[in-house]
Each structure stands twice: as C-alpha cells, then as structure tokens.
C-alpha cells in the first residue's frame, strides 16, 4: 500500500493534502516506510514528492483549461 500511495496521483488538492498528512502521521507514529534509505528516484519519499508535484501540475492545467472554456 505504501508504494501505491507514493505513485498514485490524487485528483484533487484536498487529496494531495490528505496524502501528505497521512505520510507525516505514519512517521510521527514511529512507523517507517520501505526503502527509506534509498536516495534518488528509487526512494519512496522521492516517488511521493514526484507524484504529488505531478498531481498538482495536472490540477493546475485542468483548472486553466476550464477557465479558457
């Protein structure tokens, strides 16, 4: 579930916020994500950040398309 979370883009800004909050809750609870020692594209945190950035960019693009229409 953790890698799926890191690689599934949310479809709303609320979803982005929820995923990021959930990730923090896991770490605050003392639990660890897999391969947290991996650096770069193979790392879980890297994938999470890349996925959330892509989701935000897609939402911005979708909103811009609605404004034009």
Protein backbone atom coordinates (compact mmCIF):
# COMPACT_ATOMS: atom_id res chain seq x y z
CA UNK A 1 0.00 0.00 0.00
CA UNK A 2 2.85 2.39 0.71
CA UNK A 3 4.31 2.28 -2.81
CA UNK A 4 0.82 2.55 -4.28
CA UNK A 5 0.27 5.66 -2.17
CA UNK A 6 3.56 7.11 -3.38
CA UNK A 7 2.77 6.51 -7.04
CA UNK A 8 -0.97 7.20 -7.33
CA UNK A 9 -1.72 10.86 -8.08
CA UNK A 10 -4.65 12.34 -6.18
CA UNK A 11 -7.30 14.03 -8.32
CA UNK A 12 -7.99 16.98 -6.01
CA UNK A 13 -5.91 19.40 -3.96
CA UNK A 14 -7.65 18.02 -0.87
CA UNK A 15 -6.39 14.59 -1.88
CA UNK A 16 -2.82 15.88 -2.20
CA UNK A 17 -3.06 17.41 1.27
CA UNK A 18 -4.54 14.20 2.71
CA UNK A 19 -1.76 12.02 1.28
CA UNK A 20 0.95 14.32 2.62
CA UNK A 21 -0.71 14.48 6.05
CA UNK A 22 -1.05 10.69 6.12
CA UNK A 23 2.62 10.25 5.29
CA UNK A 24 3.54 12.53 8.19
CA UNK A 25 1.19 10.68 10.56
CA UNK A 26 2.92 7.40 9.72
CA UNK A 27 6.32 8.86 10.55
CA UNK A 28 5.04 10.68 13.65
CA UNK A 29 3.68 7.35 14.87
CA UNK A 30 7.17 5.87 14.71
CA UNK A 31 6.46 3.68 11.71
CA UNK A 32 8.80 3.59 8.73
CA UNK A 33 8.25 3.48 5.01
CA UNK A 34 10.05 0.86 2.93
CA UNK A 35 13.44 1.66 1.45
CA UNK A 36 13.67 4.95 3.32
CA UNK A 37 17.44 4.69 2.99
CA UNK A 38 17.20 4.74 -0.83
CA UNK A 39 18.25 8.07 -2.32
CA UNK A 40 17.04 9.38 -5.65
CA UNK A 41 14.36 8.01 -7.97
CA UNK A 42 14.31 4.59 -6.28
CA UNK A 43 13.38 6.07 -2.91
CA UNK A 44 9.85 6.11 -1.57
CA UNK A 45 9.98 9.76 -0.50
CA UNK A 46 11.31 10.79 -3.91
CA UNK A 47 8.43 8.98 -5.61
CA UNK A 48 5.90 10.55 -3.24
CA UNK A 49 7.17 14.07 -3.93
CA UNK A 50 7.27 13.48 -7.69
CA UNK A 51 3.74 12.06 -7.71
CA UNK A 52 2.32 14.92 -5.64
CA UNK A 53 4.05 17.50 -7.85
CA UNK A 54 2.63 15.85 -10.97
CA UNK A 55 -0.85 15.77 -9.41
CA UNK A 56 -0.70 19.48 -8.57
CA UNK A 57 0.54 20.31 -12.08
CA UNK A 58 -2.32 18.30 -13.61
CA UNK A 59 -4.85 20.08 -11.41
CA UNK A 60 -3.45 23.48 -12.40
CA UNK A 61 -3.61 22.52 -16.08
CA UNK A 62 -7.19 21.27 -15.70
CA UNK A 63 -8.25 24.48 -13.98
CA UNK A 64 -6.59 26.57 -16.70
CA UNK A 65 -8.50 24.57 -19.32
CA UNK A 66 -11.78 25.25 -17.51
CA UNK A 67 -11.02 28.97 -17.36
CA UNK A 68 -10.46 29.06 -21.12
CA UNK A 69 -13.67 27.16 -21.82
